[in-house]
Amino acid sequence: MLASITHLLPQNIRLMLSELPPNVQALVEEIRVRESRPLEISWADRYAFISERGQMITEETLAYKPTRQDCSILLEILTNHSLYTYEEELRRGYITVSGGHRVGLAGRTILDQGHVKQIRDVSSFNIRIAREMQGVGQDILPYLVDPLLGNIHHTLIISPPQQGKTTLVRDLARLISRGEWGHGHGSLSGKKVGIVDERSELAASVKGVPRFDLGPRTDVLDGCPKAEGMMMMIRSLSPEVLVVDEIGREEDADAIHEAVHTGIRVLATAHGMNYEDVRRRPVLKQLMEDGVFMKYVVLQRRKGAHASFRILDHEGKNMALYDERKGR
């Protein structure tokens, strides 16, 4: 998977990373480029600094430290040599590139009436590698099915960062669109799925066309703010299932209520360590107290490459625990 983003990197850093062991290259999740600080990678819940010869090391003083020129070249490549056309991305603090890979940015902020207008002097880049992993939702989807209505329950997926929630919700959308319900639900048909992909991570669209497999009955609004996109979907595309990543704003909640009241099923994700953590966030707490979500999927922190999850009912009570290492 590393090969899918190396074209974005300055040549010297590209060569360093090409020296990594093949098994590490296949599992790299993040590349951290920080001006005058150690070049770093993370994979399978581990991290290492990278030396000028491409060796993985733990001693930061021996690591390669990207220069200002490295950072300038990287930013030029990410913005296609036109910072002006990426003003909105620079204001939000990330750029999404072809393939659904997201690059977080940090540096000096420029304020306008107390709000961030832009990031200047970008000196930190977090390149997050997107992966399409088909099948990761097969063990979860049967728990979400509402057999009475032949659809899914309104569901919120809860996960800390980098635990695979975007990968999971992408695969769930694919399975629902194809009608691959599993565990005795094979008689249900595929559903019309609408995805609001604000950060271009779920679909990895290029010129509006998804590059990830999201199923045959899926429509995508790419690069559209979540709340506005949900309302557009409701008004014009008649989805049976509405998928949205990383909710949390008041306007997101208003749009979700609108979808629920029109009979559309909602599949959403939110950052959080667990159910209780999410309930501490005012907007999400209100959605939960309003009884919007009937099922919760809580992804546990991975141990190496192994994943586990909990299924909770509408009251937050445990329904099931799955551990990939035990297969149950």
C-alpha atoms as a PDB file:
ATOM      1  CA  MET A   1       0.000   0.000   0.000  1.00  0.00           C
ATOM      2  CA  LEU A   2       2.942   2.328   0.504  1.00  0.00           C
ATOM      3  CA  ALA A   3       3.412   2.367  -3.268  1.00  0.00           C
ATOM      4  CA  SER A   4       0.043   4.084  -3.673  1.00  0.00           C
ATOM      5  CA  ILE A   5       1.303   7.340  -2.110  1.00  0.00           C
ATOM      6  CA  THR A   6       5.060   7.438  -2.759  1.00  0.00           C
ATOM      7  CA  HIS A   7       4.530   9.617  -5.845  1.00  0.00           C
ATOM      8  CA  LEU A   8       3.433  12.384  -3.460  1.00  0.00           C
ATOM      9  CA  LEU A   9       6.756  12.479  -1.625  1.00  0.00           C
ATOM     10  CA  PRO A  10       9.985  14.311  -2.365  1.00  0.00           C
ATOM     11  CA  GLN A  11      12.371  11.959  -4.145  1.00  0.00           C
ATOM     12  CA  ASN A  12      14.840  11.618  -1.271  1.00  0.00           C
ATOM     13  CA  ILE A  13      12.117  10.597   1.212  1.00  0.00           C
ATOM     14  CA  ARG A  14      10.616   8.284  -1.393  1.00  0.00           C
ATOM     15  CA  LEU A  15      13.954   6.487  -1.692  1.00  0.00           C
ATOM     16  CA  MET A  16      14.313   6.147   2.079  1.00  0.00           C
ATOM     17  CA  LEU A  17      10.891   4.546   2.426  1.00  0.00           C
ATOM     18  CA  SER A  18      11.571   2.201  -0.480  1.00  0.00           C
ATOM     19  CA  GLU A  19      14.217   0.537   1.730  1.00  0.00           C
ATOM     20  CA  LEU A  20      11.649  -0.542   4.316  1.00  0.00           C
ATOM     21  CA  PRO A  21      10.987  -4.297   4.635  1.00  0.00           C
ATOM     22  CA  PRO A  22       8.176  -5.407   2.291  1.00  0.00           C
ATOM     23  CA  ASN A  23       5.985  -6.586   5.199  1.00  0.00           C
ATOM     24  CA  VAL A  24       6.201  -3.126   6.790  1.00  0.00           C
ATOM     25  CA  GLN A  25       5.549  -1.354   3.486  1.00  0.00           C
ATOM     26  CA  ALA A  26       2.350  -3.389   3.148  1.00  0.00           C
ATOM     27  CA  LEU A  27       1.102  -2.295   6.596  1.00  0.00           C
ATOM     28  CA  VAL A  28       2.169   1.362   6.825  1.00  0.00           C
ATOM     29  CA  GLU A  29      -0.751   3.485   8.050  1.00  0.00           C
ATOM     30  CA  GLU A  30       0.829   6.908   8.540  1.00  0.00           C
ATOM     31  CA  ILE A  31       3.894   8.803   7.387  1.00  0.00           C
ATOM     32  CA  ARG A  32       4.820  11.814   9.497  1.00  0.00           C
ATOM     33  CA  VAL A  33       6.923  14.490   7.831  1.00  0.00           C
ATOM     34  CA  ARG A  34       7.896  17.240  10.273  1.00  0.00           C
ATOM     35  CA  GLU A  35      10.373  19.978   9.415  1.00  0.00           C
ATOM     36  CA  SER A  36      13.636  19.573  11.371  1.00  0.00           C
ATOM     37  CA  ARG A  37      12.168  16.647  13.322  1.00  0.00           C
ATOM     38  CA  PRO A  38      12.493  12.892  12.796  1.00  0.00           C
ATOM     39  CA  LEU A  39      10.807  11.251   9.810  1.00  0.00           C
ATOM     40  CA  GLU A  40       8.342   8.728  11.268  1.00  0.00           C
ATOM     41  CA  ILE A  41       6.078   5.896  10.152  1.00  0.00           C
ATOM     42  CA  SER A  42       3.417   3.914  12.004  1.00  0.00           C
ATOM     43  CA  TRP A  43       2.017   0.475  11.233  1.00  0.00           C
ATOM     44  CA  ALA A  44       0.004  -2.181  13.123  1.00  0.00           C
ATOM     45  CA  ASP A  45      -0.045  -0.090  16.334  1.00  0.00           C
ATOM     46  CA  ARG A  46       3.740   0.404  16.188  1.00  0.00           C
ATOM     47  CA  TYR A  47       5.971   3.271  15.098  1.00  0.00           C
ATOM     48  CA  ALA A  48       9.565   3.890  14.104  1.00  0.00           C
ATOM     49  CA  PHE A  49      11.801   6.712  12.991  1.00  0.00           C
ATOM     50  CA  ILE A  50      13.534   6.408   9.622  1.00  0.00           C
ATOM     51  CA  SER A  51      17.234   6.964   9.029  1.00  0.00           C
ATOM     52  CA  GLU A  52      18.718   8.510   5.896  1.00  0.00           C
ATOM     53  CA  ARG A  53      19.445   4.966   4.690  1.00  0.00           C
ATOM     54  CA  GLY A  54      15.862   3.873   5.176  1.00  0.00           C
ATOM     55  CA  GLN A  55      16.463   1.931   8.401  1.00  0.00           C
ATOM     56  CA  MET A  56      13.786   1.736  11.094  1.00  0.00           C
ATOM     57  CA  ILE A  57      15.240   3.038  14.348  1.00  0.00           C
ATOM     58  CA  THR A  58      14.094   4.189  17.776  1.00  0.00           C
ATOM     59  CA  GLU A  59      16.832   6.756  18.402  1.00  0.00           C
ATOM     60  CA  GLU A  60      15.575  10.128  17.201  1.00  0.00           C
ATOM     61  CA  THR A  61      19.036  11.672  16.941  1.00  0.00           C
ATOM     62  CA  LEU A  62      19.916   9.159  14.187  1.00  0.00           C
ATOM     63  CA  ALA A  63      16.745   9.740  12.179  1.00  0.00           C
ATOM     64  CA  TYR A  64      16.472  11.753   8.995  1.00  0.00           C
ATOM     65  CA  LYS A  65      15.039  15.209   9.692  1.00  0.00           C
ATOM     66  CA  PRO A  66      13.113  16.657   6.739  1.00  0.00           C
ATOM     67  CA  THR A  67      14.244  20.095   5.669  1.00  0.00           C
ATOM     68  CA  ARG A  68      12.226  23.187   4.818  1.00  0.00           C
ATOM     69  CA  GLN A  69      12.836  22.374   1.165  1.00  0.00           C
ATOM     70  CA  ASP A  70      11.396  18.862   1.688  1.00  0.00           C
ATOM     71  CA  CYS A  71       8.249  20.371   3.200  1.00  0.00           C
ATOM     72  CA  SER A  72       7.945  22.983   0.453  1.00  0.00           C
ATOM     73  CA  ILE A  73       8.270  20.335  -2.260  1.00  0.00           C
ATOM     74  CA  LEU A  74       5.724  18.094  -0.516  1.00  0.00           C
ATOM     75  CA  LEU A  75       3.194  20.940  -0.231  1.00  0.00           C
ATOM     76  CA  GLU A  76       3.721  21.860  -3.887  1.00  0.00           C
ATOM     77  CA  ILE A  77       3.036  18.280  -4.954  1.00  0.00           C
ATOM     78  CA  LEU A  78      -0.050  17.975  -2.732  1.00  0.00           C
ATOM     79  CA  THR A  79      -1.556  21.197  -4.099  1.00  0.00           C
ATOM     80  CA  ASN A  80      -0.608  20.512  -7.722  1.00  0.00           C
ATOM     81  CA  HIS A  81       1.659  23.571  -7.600  1.00  0.00           C
ATOM     82  CA  SER A  82      -1.295  25.886  -6.976  1.00  0.00           C
ATOM     83  CA  LEU A  83      -1.778  26.873  -3.340  1.00  0.00           C
ATOM     84  CA  TYR A  84      -4.510  29.296  -4.355  1.00  0.00           C
ATOM     85  CA  THR A  85      -6.848  26.549  -5.549  1.00  0.00           C
ATOM     86  CA  TYR A  86      -6.453  24.699  -2.234  1.00  0.00           C
ATOM     87  CA  GLU A  87      -7.331  27.601   0.061  1.00  0.00           C
ATOM     88  CA  GLU A  88     -10.362  25.816   1.536  1.00  0.00           C
ATOM     89  CA  GLU A  89      -8.348  22.665   2.253  1.00  0.00           C
ATOM     90  CA  LEU A  90      -5.598  24.704   3.862  1.00  0.00           C
ATOM     91  CA  ARG A  91      -8.177  26.424   6.041  1.00  0.00           C
ATOM     92  CA  ARG A  92      -9.605  23.075   7.193  1.00  0.00           C
ATOM     93  CA  GLY A  93      -6.163  21.642   7.881  1.00  0.00           C
ATOM     94  CA  TYR A  94      -6.117  18.673   5.528  1.00  0.00           C
ATOM     95  CA  ILE A  95      -5.890  17.744   1.870  1.00  0.00           C
ATOM     96  CA  THR A  96      -7.463  14.591   0.451  1.00  0.00           C
ATOM     97  CA  VAL A  97      -5.648  13.169  -2.554  1.00  0.00           C
ATOM     98  CA  SER A  98      -6.610  10.635  -5.208  1.00  0.00           C
ATOM     99  CA  GLY A  99      -7.121   7.224  -3.632  1.00  0.00           C
ATOM    100  CA  GLY A 100      -8.833   8.619  -0.531  1.00  0.00           C
ATOM    101  CA  HIS A 101      -5.544   9.274   1.292  1.00  0.00           C
ATOM    102  CA  ARG A 102      -5.789  12.224   3.667  1.00  0.00           C
ATOM    103  CA  VAL A 103      -2.890  14.500   4.563  1.00  0.00           C
ATOM    104  CA  GLY A 104      -3.226  16.459   7.792  1.00  0.00           C
ATOM    105  CA  LEU A 105      -1.401  19.774   7.985  1.00  0.00           C
ATOM    106  CA  ALA A 106       0.013  21.894  10.796  1.00  0.00           C
ATOM    107  CA  GLY A 107       1.951  25.124  10.868  1.00  0.00           C
ATOM    108  CA  ARG A 108       1.279  28.829  11.484  1.00  0.00           C
ATOM    109  CA  THR A 109      -2.395  29.780  11.291  1.00  0.00           C
ATOM    110  CA  ILE A 110      -3.772  33.013   9.850  1.00  0.00           C
ATOM    111  CA  LEU A 111      -6.875  34.266  11.670  1.00  0.00           C
ATOM    112  CA  ASP A 112      -9.809  36.303  10.403  1.00  0.00           C
ATOM    113  CA  GLN A 113     -12.134  37.667  13.095  1.00  0.00           C
ATOM    114  CA  GLY A 114     -10.981  34.970  15.462  1.00  0.00           C
ATOM    115  CA  HIS A 115     -11.433  32.077  13.015  1.00  0.00           C
ATOM    116  CA  VAL A 116      -8.767  30.175  11.109  1.00  0.00           C
ATOM    117  CA  LYS A 117      -8.531  31.545   7.580  1.00  0.00           C
ATOM    118  CA  GLN A 118      -5.556  29.520   6.413  1.00  0.00           C
ATOM    119  CA  ILE A 119      -2.481  27.595   7.493  1.00  0.00           C
ATOM    120  CA  ARG A 120       0.770  29.186   6.394  1.00  0.00           C
ATOM    121  CA  ASP A 121       4.338  27.960   6.795  1.00  0.00           C
ATOM    122  CA  VAL A 122       3.181  24.334   6.795  1.00  0.00           C
ATOM    123  CA  SER A 123       5.790  22.370   8.737  1.00  0.00           C
ATOM    124  CA  SER A 124       4.004  19.115   9.660  1.00  0.00           C
ATOM    125  CA  PHE A 125       2.314  16.559   7.405  1.00  0.00           C
ATOM    126  CA  ASN A 126       0.472  13.445   8.494  1.00  0.00           C
ATOM    127  CA  ILE A 127      -0.086  11.230   5.450  1.00  0.00           C
ATOM    128  CA  ARG A 128      -2.796   8.691   6.293  1.00  0.00           C
ATOM    129  CA  ILE A 129      -2.992   5.792   3.866  1.00  0.00           C
ATOM    130  CA  ALA A 130      -6.529   4.716   2.950  1.00  0.00           C
ATOM    131  CA  ARG A 131      -7.223   1.035   2.393  1.00  0.00           C
ATOM    132  CA  GLU A 132     -10.127  -0.725   0.769  1.00  0.00           C
ATOM    133  CA  MET A 133     -10.672  -3.894   2.808  1.00  0.00           C
ATOM    134  CA  GLN A 134     -13.683  -5.786   1.561  1.00  0.00           C
ATOM    135  CA  GLY A 135     -15.347  -8.162   3.967  1.00  0.00           C
ATOM    136  CA  VAL A 136     -14.546  -6.377   7.239  1.00  0.00           C
ATOM    137  CA  GLY A 137     -18.238  -5.608   7.742  1.00  0.00           C
ATOM    138  CA  GLN A 138     -19.533  -9.152   7.191  1.00  0.00           C
ATOM    139  CA  ASP A 139     -19.467 -10.118  10.875  1.00  0.00           C
ATOM    140  CA  ILE A 140     -21.091  -6.845  11.952  1.00  0.00           C
ATOM    141  CA  LEU A 141     -23.883  -6.299   9.427  1.00  0.00           C
ATOM    142  CA  PRO A 142     -26.153  -9.183  10.614  1.00  0.00           C
ATOM    143  CA  TYR A 143     -26.426  -7.482  14.023  1.00  0.00           C
ATOM    144  CA  LEU A 144     -27.658  -4.271  12.385  1.00  0.00           C
ATOM    145  CA  VAL A 145     -30.480  -5.769  10.313  1.00  0.00           C
ATOM    146  CA  ASP A 146     -34.054  -4.778  11.114  1.00  0.00           C
ATOM    147  CA  PRO A 147     -35.977  -7.816   9.760  1.00  0.00           C
ATOM    148  CA  LEU A 148     -39.380  -6.174  10.209  1.00  0.00           C
ATOM    149  CA  LEU A 149     -38.567  -3.383   7.772  1.00  0.00           C
ATOM    150  CA  GLY A 150     -36.058  -5.326   5.683  1.00  0.00           C
ATOM    151  CA  ASN A 151     -33.372  -2.713   6.225  1.00  0.00           C
ATOM    152  CA  ILE A 152     -30.803  -1.757   8.857  1.00  0.00           C
ATOM    153  CA  HIS A 153     -31.414  -0.112  12.201  1.00  0.00           C
ATOM    154  CA  HIS A 154     -30.227   3.468  12.648  1.00  0.00           C
ATOM    155  CA  THR A 155     -26.634   2.795  13.702  1.00  0.00           C
ATOM    156  CA  LEU A 156     -23.728   4.770  15.134  1.00  0.00           C
ATOM    157  CA  ILE A 157     -20.197   3.367  14.821  1.00  0.00           C
ATOM    158  CA  ILE A 158     -17.905   4.567  17.613  1.00  0.00           C
ATOM    159  CA  SER A 159     -14.138   4.347  17.408  1.00  0.00           C
ATOM    160  CA  PRO A 160     -10.922   6.083  18.426  1.00  0.00           C
ATOM    161  CA  PRO A 161      -8.854   7.422  15.512  1.00  0.00           C
ATOM    162  CA  GLN A 162      -7.029   4.902  13.326  1.00  0.00           C
ATOM    163  CA  GLN A 163      -9.061   1.882  14.401  1.00  0.00           C
ATOM    164  CA  GLY A 164     -10.738   1.345  11.039  1.00  0.00           C
ATOM    165  CA  LYS A 165     -14.160   2.941  11.335  1.00  0.00           C
ATOM    166  CA  THR A 166     -14.003   4.599   7.901  1.00  0.00           C
ATOM    167  CA  THR A 167     -12.863   1.310   6.353  1.00  0.00           C
ATOM    168  CA  LEU A 168     -15.711  -0.456   8.138  1.00  0.00           C
ATOM    169  CA  VAL A 169     -18.475   1.953   7.155  1.00  0.00           C
ATOM    170  CA  ARG A 170     -17.250   1.865   3.547  1.00  0.00           C
ATOM    171  CA  ASP A 171     -17.582  -1.918   3.492  1.00  0.00           C
ATOM    172  CA  LEU A 172     -20.972  -1.830   5.213  1.00  0.00           C
ATOM    173  CA  ALA A 173     -22.205   0.544   2.510  1.00  0.00           C
ATOM    174  CA  ARG A 174     -20.951  -1.889  -0.152  1.00  0.00           C
ATOM    175  CA  LEU A 175     -22.630  -4.893   1.499  1.00  0.00           C
ATOM    176  CA  ILE A 176     -25.940  -3.074   2.002  1.00  0.00           C
ATOM    177  CA  SER A 177     -25.923  -1.824  -1.586  1.00  0.00           C
ATOM    178  CA  ARG A 178     -25.290  -5.343  -2.893  1.00  0.00           C
ATOM    179  CA  GLY A 179     -27.739  -6.995  -0.510  1.00  0.00           C
ATOM    180  CA  GLU A 180     -25.072  -9.209   1.048  1.00  0.00           C
ATOM    181  CA  TRP A 181     -26.687  -9.323   4.493  1.00  0.00           C
ATOM    182  CA  GLY A 182     -25.335 -12.686   5.708  1.00  0.00           C
ATOM    183  CA  HIS A 183     -26.455 -15.043   8.508  1.00  0.00           C
ATOM    184  CA  GLY A 184     -29.939 -15.921   7.229  1.00  0.00           C
ATOM    185  CA  HIS A 185     -30.742 -12.486   5.798  1.00  0.00           C
ATOM    186  CA  GLY A 186     -29.910 -13.365   2.204  1.00  0.00           C
ATOM    187  CA  SER A 187     -33.525 -12.887   1.074  1.00  0.00           C
ATOM    188  CA  LEU A 188     -33.330  -9.126   1.621  1.00  0.00           C
ATOM    189  CA  SER A 189     -32.582  -7.054  -1.465  1.00  0.00           C
ATOM    190  CA  GLY A 190     -29.859  -4.477  -1.912  1.00  0.00           C
ATOM    191  CA  LYS A 191     -30.727  -0.941  -0.853  1.00  0.00           C
ATOM    192  CA  LYS A 192     -30.234   2.472  -2.412  1.00  0.00           C
ATOM    193  CA  VAL A 193     -27.327   3.946  -0.460  1.00  0.00           C
ATOM    194  CA  GLY A 194     -26.430   7.630  -0.320  1.00  0.00           C
ATOM    195  CA  ILE A 195     -22.970   8.620   0.932  1.00  0.00           C
ATOM    196  CA  VAL A 196     -21.994  12.149   1.914  1.00  0.00           C
ATOM    197  CA  ASP A 197     -18.206  12.060   1.612  1.00  0.00           C
ATOM    198  CA  GLU A 198     -17.063  15.411   2.972  1.00  0.00           C
ATOM    199  CA  ARG A 199     -13.380  14.485   3.165  1.00  0.00           C
ATOM    200  CA  SER A 200     -13.298  12.304   0.025  1.00  0.00           C
ATOM    201  CA  GLU A 201     -12.141   9.353   2.133  1.00  0.00           C
ATOM    202  CA  LEU A 202     -15.059   6.974   1.868  1.00  0.00           C
ATOM    203  CA  ALA A 203     -15.305   6.811  -1.914  1.00  0.00           C
ATOM    204  CA  ALA A 204     -11.915   8.166  -3.076  1.00  0.00           C
ATOM    205  CA  SER A 205     -13.753   9.893  -5.914  1.00  0.00           C
ATOM    206  CA  VAL A 206     -11.892  11.333  -8.868  1.00  0.00           C
ATOM    207  CA  LYS A 207     -13.922  13.910 -10.824  1.00  0.00           C
ATOM    208  CA  GLY A 208     -17.021  12.705  -9.002  1.00  0.00           C
ATOM    209  CA  VAL A 209     -16.543   9.009  -9.769  1.00  0.00           C
ATOM    210  CA  PRO A 210     -15.861   6.684  -6.773  1.00  0.00           C
ATOM    211  CA  ARG A 211     -12.662   4.644  -7.017  1.00  0.00           C
ATOM    212  CA  PHE A 212     -13.564   2.328  -4.143  1.00  0.00           C
ATOM    213  CA  ASP A 213     -16.226  -0.359  -4.606  1.00  0.00           C
ATOM    214  CA  LEU A 214     -19.315   0.923  -2.800  1.00  0.00           C
ATOM    215  CA  GLY A 215     -21.817  -1.399  -4.430  1.00  0.00           C
ATOM    216  CA  PRO A 216     -24.049  -1.060  -7.496  1.00  0.00           C
ATOM    217  CA  ARG A 217     -26.827   1.020  -5.904  1.00  0.00           C
ATOM    218  CA  THR A 218     -24.764   3.745  -4.240  1.00  0.00           C
ATOM    219  CA  ASP A 219     -24.657   7.499  -4.935  1.00  0.00           C
ATOM    220  CA  VAL A 220     -21.910   9.733  -3.573  1.00  0.00           C
ATOM    221  CA  LEU A 221     -21.765  13.457  -2.876  1.00  0.00           C
ATOM    222  CA  ASP A 222     -18.034  14.135  -2.844  1.00  0.00           C
ATOM    223  CA  GLY A 223     -16.405  16.998  -0.947  1.00  0.00           C
ATOM    224  CA  CYS A 224     -19.764  18.217   0.349  1.00  0.00           C
ATOM    225  CA  PRO A 225     -20.335  19.409   3.943  1.00  0.00           C
ATOM    226  CA  LYS A 226     -22.149  16.680   5.841  1.00  0.00           C
ATOM    227  CA  ALA A 227     -25.294  18.519   6.917  1.00  0.00           C
ATOM    228  CA  GLU A 228     -25.882  20.199   3.576  1.00  0.00           C
ATOM    229  CA  GLY A 229     -25.084  16.975   1.732  1.00  0.00           C
ATOM    230  CA  MET A 230     -27.557  14.957   3.779  1.00  0.00           C
ATOM    231  CA  MET A 231     -30.324  17.434   2.974  1.00  0.00           C
ATOM    232  CA  MET A 232     -29.421  17.331  -0.725  1.00  0.00           C
ATOM    233  CA  MET A 233     -29.564  13.540  -0.658  1.00  0.00           C
ATOM    234  CA  ILE A 234     -32.953  13.569   1.084  1.00  0.00           C
ATOM    235  CA  ARG A 235     -34.441  16.024  -1.390  1.00  0.00           C
ATOM    236  CA  SER A 236     -33.123  14.652  -4.654  1.00  0.00           C
ATOM    237  CA  LEU A 237     -31.706  11.113  -4.508  1.00  0.00           C
ATOM    238  CA  SER A 238     -34.208   9.182  -2.357  1.00  0.00           C
ATOM    239  CA  PRO A 239     -31.709   6.942  -0.547  1.00  0.00           C
ATOM    240  CA  GLU A 240     -32.966   4.120   1.627  1.00  0.00           C
ATOM    241  CA  VAL A 241     -29.771   4.231   3.704  1.00  0.00           C
ATOM    242  CA  LEU A 242     -27.798   7.425   4.329  1.00  0.00           C
ATOM    243  CA  VAL A 243     -24.118   7.033   5.233  1.00  0.00           C
ATOM    244  CA  VAL A 244     -22.051   9.809   6.802  1.00  0.00           C
ATOM    245  CA  ASP A 245     -18.660   9.815   8.502  1.00  0.00           C
ATOM    246  CA  GLU A 246     -17.622  11.618  11.697  1.00  0.00           C
ATOM    247  CA  ILE A 247     -20.734  13.467  12.836  1.00  0.00           C
ATOM    248  CA  GLY A 248     -20.687  15.827  15.783  1.00  0.00           C
ATOM    249  CA  ARG A 249     -22.007  19.271  14.848  1.00  0.00           C
ATOM    250  CA  GLU A 250     -25.449  20.625  15.631  1.00  0.00           C
ATOM    251  CA  GLU A 251     -26.295  20.948  11.942  1.00  0.00           C
ATOM    252  CA  ASP A 252     -25.377  17.261  11.467  1.00  0.00           C
ATOM    253  CA  ALA A 253     -27.920  16.330  14.125  1.00  0.00           C
ATOM    254  CA  ASP A 254     -30.633  18.442  12.474  1.00  0.00           C
ATOM    255  CA  ALA A 255     -30.048  16.721   9.124  1.00  0.00           C
ATOM    256  CA  ILE A 256     -30.064  13.261  10.755  1.00  0.00           C
ATOM    257  CA  HIS A 257     -33.394  14.042  12.423  1.00  0.00           C
ATOM    258  CA  GLU A 258     -34.772  15.096   9.043  1.00  0.00           C
ATOM    259  CA  ALA A 259     -33.600  11.838   7.469  1.00  0.00           C
ATOM    260  CA  VAL A 260     -35.096   9.741  10.263  1.00  0.00           C
ATOM    261  CA  HIS A 261     -38.443  11.519   9.973  1.00  0.00           C
ATOM    262  CA  THR A 262     -38.571  10.797   6.233  1.00  0.00           C
ATOM    263  CA  GLY A 263     -38.019   7.075   6.765  1.00  0.00           C
ATOM    264  CA  ILE A 264     -34.381   6.938   5.675  1.00  0.00           C
ATOM    265  CA  ARG A 265     -32.064   4.684   7.671  1.00  0.00           C
ATOM    266  CA  VAL A 266     -28.900   6.362   8.969  1.00  0.00           C
ATOM    267  CA  LEU A 267     -25.458   4.776   9.288  1.00  0.00           C
ATOM    268  CA  ALA A 268     -23.019   7.214  10.884  1.00  0.00           C
ATOM    269  CA  THR A 269     -19.666   7.255  12.647  1.00  0.00           C
ATOM    270  CA  ALA A 270     -18.241   9.310  15.497  1.00  0.00           C
ATOM    271  CA  HIS A 271     -14.930   9.603  17.273  1.00  0.00           C
ATOM    272  CA  GLY A 272     -14.906   8.206  20.802  1.00  0.00           C
ATOM    273  CA  MET A 273     -13.284   5.618  23.040  1.00  0.00           C
ATOM    274  CA  ASN A 274     -16.615   4.037  23.988  1.00  0.00           C
ATOM    275  CA  TYR A 275     -20.341   4.612  24.385  1.00  0.00           C
ATOM    276  CA  GLU A 276     -19.911   6.654  27.570  1.00  0.00           C
ATOM    277  CA  ASP A 277     -17.287   8.851  25.931  1.00  0.00           C
ATOM    278  CA  VAL A 278     -19.619   9.751  23.068  1.00  0.00           C
ATOM    279  CA  ARG A 279     -22.435  10.575  25.491  1.00  0.00           C
ATOM    280  CA  ARG A 280     -20.281  13.350  26.911  1.00  0.00           C
ATOM    281  CA  ARG A 281     -20.458  15.241  23.612  1.00  0.00           C
ATOM    282  CA  PRO A 282     -23.543  17.500  23.756  1.00  0.00           C
ATOM    283  CA  VAL A 283     -24.789  17.041  20.174  1.00  0.00           C
ATOM    284  CA  LEU A 284     -24.325  13.272  20.171  1.00  0.00           C
ATOM    285  CA  LYS A 285     -25.771  12.985  23.657  1.00  0.00           C
ATOM    286  CA  GLN A 286     -28.946  14.678  22.452  1.00  0.00           C
ATOM    287  CA  LEU A 287     -29.254  12.334  19.459  1.00  0.00           C
ATOM    288  CA  MET A 288     -28.834   9.370  21.783  1.00  0.00           C
ATOM    289  CA  GLU A 289     -31.364  10.673  24.287  1.00  0.00           C
ATOM    290  CA  ASP A 290     -33.799  11.304  21.442  1.00  0.00           C
ATOM    291  CA  GLY A 291     -33.571   7.587  20.675  1.00  0.00           C
ATOM    292  CA  VAL A 292     -32.302   8.075  17.138  1.00  0.00           C
ATOM    293  CA  PHE A 293     -29.813   5.195  17.159  1.00  0.00           C
ATOM    294  CA  MET A 294     -31.064   1.680  17.790  1.00  0.00           C
ATOM    295  CA  LYS A 295     -27.668  -0.018  17.488  1.00  0.00           C
ATOM    296  CA  TYR A 296     -24.118   0.990  18.374  1.00  0.00           C
ATOM    297  CA  VAL A 297     -20.927  -0.608  17.109  1.00  0.00           C
ATOM    298  CA  VAL A 298     -17.927   0.136  19.333  1.00  0.00           C
ATOM    299  CA  LEU A 299     -14.566  -0.702  17.784  1.00  0.00           C
ATOM    300  CA  GLN A 300     -11.985  -1.675  20.385  1.00  0.00           C
ATOM    301  CA  ARG A 301      -8.371  -0.593  20.234  1.00  0.00           C
ATOM    302  CA  ARG A 302      -6.481  -3.073  18.101  1.00  0.00           C
ATOM    303  CA  LYS A 303      -3.755  -5.289  19.465  1.00  0.00           C
ATOM    304  CA  GLY A 304      -1.383  -5.546  16.530  1.00  0.00           C
ATOM    305  CA  ALA A 305      -3.354  -6.571  13.469  1.00  0.00           C
ATOM    306  CA  HIS A 306      -6.256  -8.019  15.468  1.00  0.00           C
ATOM    307  CA  ALA A 307      -9.579  -6.220  15.759  1.00  0.00           C
ATOM    308  CA  SER A 308     -12.561  -6.620  18.047  1.00  0.00           C
ATOM    309  CA  PHE A 309     -15.888  -4.882  18.435  1.00  0.00           C
ATOM    310  CA  ARG A 310     -18.922  -4.672  20.686  1.00  0.00           C
ATOM    311  CA  ILE A 311     -22.536  -4.400  19.582  1.00  0.00           C
ATOM    312  CA  LEU A 312     -24.767  -2.365  21.907  1.00  0.00           C
ATOM    313  CA  ASP A 313     -28.536  -1.919  21.849  1.00  0.00           C
ATOM    314  CA  HIS A 314     -30.380   1.418  21.926  1.00  0.00           C
ATOM    315  CA  GLU A 315     -29.817   1.703  25.686  1.00  0.00           C
ATOM    316  CA  GLY A 316     -26.094   1.047  25.397  1.00  0.00           C
ATOM    317  CA  LYS A 317     -26.322  -2.506  26.751  1.00  0.00           C
ATOM    318  CA  ASN A 318     -24.019  -5.206  25.413  1.00  0.00           C
ATOM    319  CA  MET A 319     -25.509  -7.510  22.796  1.00  0.00           C
ATOM    320  CA  ALA A 320     -22.363  -9.157  21.434  1.00  0.00           C
ATOM    321  CA  LEU A 321     -18.572  -9.124  21.604  1.00  0.00           C
ATOM    322  CA  TYR A 322     -16.447 -10.240  18.674  1.00  0.00           C
ATOM    323  CA  ASP A 323     -12.704 -10.870  18.895  1.00  0.00           C
ATOM    324  CA  GLU A 324     -10.938 -11.570  15.609  1.00  0.00           C
ATOM    325  CA  ARG A 325      -8.322 -13.696  17.357  1.00  0.00           C
ATOM    326  CA  LYS A 326     -11.008 -16.037  18.705  1.00  0.00           C
ATOM    327  CA  GLY A 327     -13.369 -15.763  15.732  1.00  0.00           C
ATOM    328  CA  ARG A 328     -16.361 -14.868  17.921  1.00  0.00           C
END
